[in-house]
């Protein structure tokens, strides 16, 4: 009986240690994020190096800071990270000389890179963000690409957002990614151009989409600027 109790005590102590370790790491990552928000323009080369070699939370914090700094120097590396999966040649050209050196950029890192490109606001990034929206198969990456196009507020982004929505609408109802459609619809509202009128109307009338998605389309219709 005593041995069984001891086993439970050991298991519980191990669990509590793991939970404490996780909580401690989380606190450190929050502190790192807060510290990065204080860094100024001279930190850009260092943040770029961190993206290449750092742990995932540090990569994400660095990418966010580069976006908030609107660093033009970071555009190539952010583009490379965003395109890492669907366009490895772009990654190699812009970031590393050897593919064997490539780190593992997961969807969270790639999505954050897309959003930071939108924050920087260089219109030259638009085609690559748009093509990532259409080519990447990860939902989060696609959502953040749509958000980035909304941040750019450029009429040229409409064609990519329309294609992304039409792709989803062509799928069976059970396979449609409402989150992607919703972010694309919001982005169209941010752009506010009348070219988005018909696709937004189509979204409101689709029986395949969730009510929340159609509601966002209505909001975006209200944002269209009629002259």
Protein backbone atom coordinates (compact mmCIF):
# COMPACT_ATOMS: atom_id res chain seq x y z
CA UNK A 1 0.00 0.00 0.00
CA UNK A 2 2.82 2.35 0.94
CA UNK A 3 4.63 1.71 -2.34
CA UNK A 4 1.47 2.61 -4.32
CA UNK A 5 1.13 5.87 -2.39
CA UNK A 6 4.81 6.64 -3.03
CA UNK A 7 4.30 6.07 -6.75
CA UNK A 8 1.43 8.56 -6.76
CA UNK A 9 3.52 11.10 -4.84
CA UNK A 10 6.37 10.75 -7.34
CA UNK A 11 4.02 11.10 -10.31
CA UNK A 12 2.36 14.18 -8.83
CA UNK A 13 5.71 15.80 -8.04
CA UNK A 14 6.91 15.18 -11.60
CA UNK A 15 3.72 16.68 -13.02
CA UNK A 16 3.97 19.75 -10.80
CA UNK A 17 7.63 20.21 -11.77
CA UNK A 18 6.77 20.04 -15.48
CA UNK A 19 3.91 22.48 -15.05
CA UNK A 20 6.14 24.88 -13.13
CA UNK A 21 8.86 24.56 -15.79
CA UNK A 22 6.31 25.33 -18.52
CA UNK A 23 4.94 28.31 -16.62
CA UNK A 24 8.47 29.61 -15.98
CA UNK A 25 9.38 29.32 -19.65
CA UNK A 26 6.18 31.12 -20.57
CA UNK A 27 7.07 33.98 -18.23
CA UNK A 28 10.51 34.24 -19.82
CA UNK A 29 9.03 34.34 -23.32
CA UNK A 30 6.63 37.10 -22.29
CA UNK A 31 9.59 39.03 -20.86
CA UNK A 32 11.56 38.54 -24.09
CA UNK A 33 8.61 39.84 -26.12
CA UNK A 34 8.36 42.88 -23.83
CA UNK A 35 12.11 43.49 -24.08
CA UNK A 36 12.04 43.34 -27.90
CA UNK A 37 9.35 46.05 -28.02
CA UNK A 38 11.93 48.47 -26.57
CA UNK A 39 14.56 47.83 -29.24
CA UNK A 40 15.26 50.52 -31.82
CA UNK A 41 16.39 50.54 -35.46
CA UNK A 42 20.00 49.58 -34.79
CA UNK A 43 18.81 46.18 -33.55
CA UNK A 44 17.58 45.08 -37.00
CA UNK A 45 20.66 43.02 -38.05
CA UNK A 46 20.60 41.23 -34.70
CA UNK A 47 16.89 40.45 -34.93
CA UNK A 48 17.42 39.05 -38.42
CA UNK A 49 20.12 36.70 -37.09
CA UNK A 50 17.80 35.62 -34.27
CA UNK A 51 15.18 34.62 -36.84
CA UNK A 52 17.71 32.28 -38.41
CA UNK A 53 19.06 30.65 -35.27
CA UNK A 54 16.72 31.40 -32.36
CA UNK A 55 14.08 29.30 -30.63
CA UNK A 56 10.52 29.62 -31.92
CA UNK A 57 9.24 32.17 -29.33
CA UNK A 58 12.28 34.35 -29.98
CA UNK A 59 11.83 34.08 -33.75
CA UNK A 60 8.22 35.23 -33.44
CA UNK A 61 9.11 38.10 -31.09
CA UNK A 62 11.86 39.25 -33.48
CA UNK A 63 9.57 39.06 -36.50
CA UNK A 64 6.88 41.09 -34.72
CA UNK A 65 9.39 43.75 -33.72
CA UNK A 66 10.74 44.04 -37.26
CA UNK A 67 7.20 44.54 -38.50
CA UNK A 68 6.42 47.19 -35.89
CA UNK A 69 9.68 48.97 -36.72
CA UNK A 70 8.60 48.91 -40.39
CA UNK A 71 12.12 47.86 -41.26
CA UNK A 72 12.80 47.87 -44.99
CA UNK A 73 16.01 45.93 -44.31
CA UNK A 74 13.93 43.03 -43.00
CA UNK A 75 11.75 42.61 -46.10
CA UNK A 76 13.93 40.00 -47.81
CA UNK A 77 14.27 37.79 -44.77
CA UNK A 78 10.58 38.07 -43.88
CA UNK A 79 9.65 37.21 -47.46
CA UNK A 80 11.96 34.21 -47.35
CA UNK A 81 10.45 32.94 -44.10
CA UNK A 82 6.90 33.42 -45.38
CA UNK A 83 7.68 31.58 -48.63
CA UNK A 84 9.74 28.85 -46.95
CA UNK A 85 7.32 25.99 -47.69
CA UNK A 86 5.81 26.81 -51.06
CA UNK A 87 8.78 28.60 -52.66
CA UNK A 88 12.07 27.25 -51.23
CA UNK A 89 14.09 28.90 -54.02
CA UNK A 90 12.90 32.30 -52.82
CA UNK A 91 13.98 31.30 -49.33
CA UNK A 92 17.44 30.30 -50.53
CA UNK A 93 17.95 33.47 -52.60
CA UNK A 94 16.93 35.85 -49.84
CA UNK A 95 18.17 34.22 -46.68
CA UNK A 96 20.75 31.45 -46.93
CA UNK A 97 23.35 30.22 -49.37
CA UNK A 98 22.78 26.53 -48.59
CA UNK A 99 19.44 24.75 -48.33
CA UNK A 100 20.98 22.32 -45.84
CA UNK A 101 21.20 25.20 -43.35
CA UNK A 102 17.46 25.85 -43.47
CA UNK A 103 15.78 25.86 -40.05
CA UNK A 104 12.27 24.61 -39.50
CA UNK A 105 9.81 27.47 -39.87
CA UNK A 106 6.39 26.27 -38.77
CA UNK A 107 3.04 27.89 -39.53
CA UNK A 108 3.18 30.29 -36.55
CA UNK A 109 6.52 31.74 -37.65
CA UNK A 110 5.56 31.95 -41.34
CA UNK A 111 2.20 33.55 -40.51
CA UNK A 112 3.86 36.19 -38.33
CA UNK A 113 6.32 36.96 -41.15
CA UNK A 114 3.44 37.60 -43.54
CA UNK A 115 1.73 39.92 -41.07
CA UNK A 116 4.95 41.86 -40.45
CA UNK A 117 5.35 42.39 -44.19
CA UNK A 118 1.88 43.91 -44.17
CA UNK A 119 2.87 46.20 -41.29
CA UNK A 120 6.01 47.36 -43.10
CA UNK A 121 3.75 48.37 -45.96
CA UNK A 122 6.06 48.00 -48.96
CA UNK A 123 3.81 47.47 -51.98
CA UNK A 124 6.51 45.33 -53.65
CA UNK A 125 5.68 42.62 -51.09
CA UNK A 126 2.08 42.43 -52.28
CA UNK A 127 2.46 39.79 -55.04
CA UNK A 128 4.43 37.47 -52.77
CA UNK A 129 1.94 37.83 -49.93
CA UNK A 130 -0.88 37.24 -52.41
CA UNK A 131 0.78 34.19 -53.91
CA UNK A 132 1.41 32.77 -50.45
CA UNK A 133 -2.28 33.23 -49.69
CA UNK A 134 -3.11 31.20 -52.80
CA UNK A 135 -0.28 28.64 -52.66
CA UNK A 136 0.23 27.80 -48.99
CA UNK A 137 -1.98 25.05 -47.60
CA UNK A 138 -1.82 26.08 -43.96
CA UNK A 139 -4.91 27.87 -42.65
CA UNK A 140 -3.12 30.20 -40.24
CA UNK A 141 -0.59 31.30 -42.86
CA UNK A 142 -3.42 32.02 -45.31
CA UNK A 143 -5.37 33.98 -42.69
CA UNK A 144 -2.37 36.14 -41.85
CA UNK A 145 -1.62 36.73 -45.53
CA UNK A 146 -5.17 38.01 -45.94
CA UNK A 147 -4.67 40.29 -42.92
CA UNK A 148 -1.41 41.55 -44.43
CA UNK A 149 -3.13 42.43 -47.71
CA UNK A 150 -5.71 44.33 -45.69
CA UNK A 151 -2.93 46.27 -43.96
CA UNK A 152 -1.40 47.17 -47.33
CA UNK A 153 -4.78 48.64 -48.42
CA UNK A 154 -3.80 48.38 -52.07
CA UNK A 155 -6.34 47.75 -54.80
CA UNK A 156 -3.99 45.19 -56.38
CA UNK A 157 -4.58 42.92 -53.39
CA UNK A 158 -8.25 42.43 -54.30
CA UNK A 159 -7.59 39.88 -57.04
CA UNK A 160 -5.71 37.60 -54.63
CA UNK A 161 -8.39 37.89 -51.97
CA UNK A 162 -11.11 37.17 -54.52
CA UNK A 163 -9.31 34.08 -55.78
CA UNK A 164 -8.83 32.83 -52.22
CA UNK A 165 -12.54 33.23 -51.49
CA UNK A 166 -13.62 31.63 -54.77
CA UNK A 167 -11.32 28.67 -54.10
CA UNK A 168 -13.04 28.06 -50.76
CA UNK A 169 -16.53 28.52 -52.20
CA UNK A 170 -15.81 25.85 -54.80
CA UNK A 171 -15.19 23.26 -52.06
CA UNK A 172 -17.78 21.11 -50.32
CA UNK A 173 -19.39 22.85 -47.37
CA UNK A 174 -17.62 20.58 -44.87
CA UNK A 175 -14.20 21.43 -46.31
CA UNK A 176 -14.52 25.22 -46.53
CA UNK A 177 -12.18 27.17 -44.27
CA UNK A 178 -14.48 29.89 -42.92
CA UNK A 179 -11.59 31.47 -41.04
CA UNK A 180 -9.71 32.14 -44.29
CA UNK A 181 -12.83 33.50 -46.00
CA UNK A 182 -13.58 35.71 -43.00
CA UNK A 183 -10.10 37.24 -42.96
CA UNK A 184 -10.18 37.75 -46.73
CA UNK A 185 -13.54 39.49 -46.41
CA UNK A 186 -12.21 41.75 -43.64
CA UNK A 187 -9.21 42.62 -45.79
CA UNK A 188 -11.50 43.61 -48.66
CA UNK A 189 -13.28 45.90 -46.26
CA UNK A 190 -9.99 47.48 -45.22
CA UNK A 191 -9.14 48.14 -48.86
CA UNK A 192 -12.63 49.55 -49.39
CA UNK A 193 -12.65 49.51 -53.18
CA UNK A 194 -15.80 48.93 -55.24
CA UNK A 195 -14.08 46.10 -57.14
CA UNK A 196 -14.83 43.93 -54.12
CA UNK A 197 -18.57 44.56 -54.35
CA UNK A 198 -19.59 41.44 -56.28
CA UNK A 199 -17.48 38.94 -54.34
CA UNK A 200 -18.76 40.36 -51.04
CA UNK A 201 -22.32 40.04 -52.26
CA UNK A 202 -21.57 36.45 -53.28
CA UNK A 203 -20.29 35.70 -49.77
CA UNK A 204 -23.46 37.08 -48.18
CA UNK A 205 -25.59 34.80 -50.34
CA UNK A 206 -23.61 31.59 -50.00
CA UNK A 207 -25.37 28.73 -48.24
CA UNK A 208 -22.01 27.08 -47.63
CA UNK A 209 -20.64 29.71 -45.27
CA UNK A 210 -21.25 30.35 -41.59
CA UNK A 211 -23.41 33.25 -40.47
CA UNK A 212 -20.43 35.01 -38.85
CA UNK A 213 -18.56 34.96 -42.16
CA UNK A 214 -21.50 36.42 -44.04
CA UNK A 215 -21.92 39.08 -41.35
CA UNK A 216 -18.33 40.18 -41.91
CA UNK A 217 -19.05 40.49 -45.63
CA UNK A 218 -21.92 42.85 -44.81
CA UNK A 219 -19.59 44.97 -42.66
CA UNK A 220 -17.06 45.11 -45.50
CA UNK A 221 -19.74 46.16 -47.97
CA UNK A 222 -20.43 49.14 -45.72
CA UNK A 223 -16.77 50.16 -45.98
CA UNK A 224 -16.71 50.40 -49.77
CA UNK A 225 -16.04 53.94 -50.92
CA UNK A 226 -18.50 55.03 -53.58
CA UNK A 227 -17.56 58.21 -55.41
